[in-house]
């Protein structure tokens, strides 16, 4: 039984006979997309974990793409009717959009077990544990036999618009060069499943022999990594023409560690 952002008003804090609960089916998975307090944030969705596994995409409160200005949201790509509904309850309705996307992407929407969204964002809950990560949405029940905890809270990030799934990678870059410079480092991944855009790994003072780490949410599952593109820029013309390279770049996929 899949709960798509179950309602908060009149249900949160009530006995389990009144609201959706994990005793309602052999396996109950929940997607929380609008769990900010109803007052003053107009959150329509319940915030506590109530299923066997509970997914909190983007932290479960504010979904990417829902902060667009009202005019662009109402004259939406999907038409005025869809856009108007999204303007009124965009976060709440993201739950079914993620679910429908999950049917097409059996390997997408990996939920990482974590104590909080902040810890997930900082990389504390990466990669997936040995038993793997469940997939939010249609294929969540594949994880049914791996549940060891009473409540399992899972976090992930999604895109702003269709297609919504993102795949998380840890990218570690050790720089080489003669002298430190200021600027930024970008990396793009190339693989058997596709290529990513460039992601900024670090910016500021770049020191040779230093190692910089970033967690990136890529719009494709790159599969087996075949190539990594490294780019640095200092945004201004330096008469000494400083050179900077990558001594090593390590890429770790969250899914298979």
Foldseek 3Di string as FASTA:
>chain_A
DEAQQWFDPPPAPDDCVVGPAQVPDLFYEYEAQACDDCPPRNRGGPPDFGTLEYECEVQRHHAAQLPDDLVDQCCDPVHNVRSVVCVVPVRSVVSVVQQVLCVVPVPFQFWFFDPGVVCVQVPVRFAHPPLFTAHPHDRNCVCVVVRDDNYTYTYYYFDNDPVTTWWKKKKKFAKAFDAKAFWWKWKKWAAPWGIFDIDTQDGTIDGHRDMTMHMDTTPIDRDGTDDMDMDIDRPDDDPVPGDMDTPDMDMDTRGND
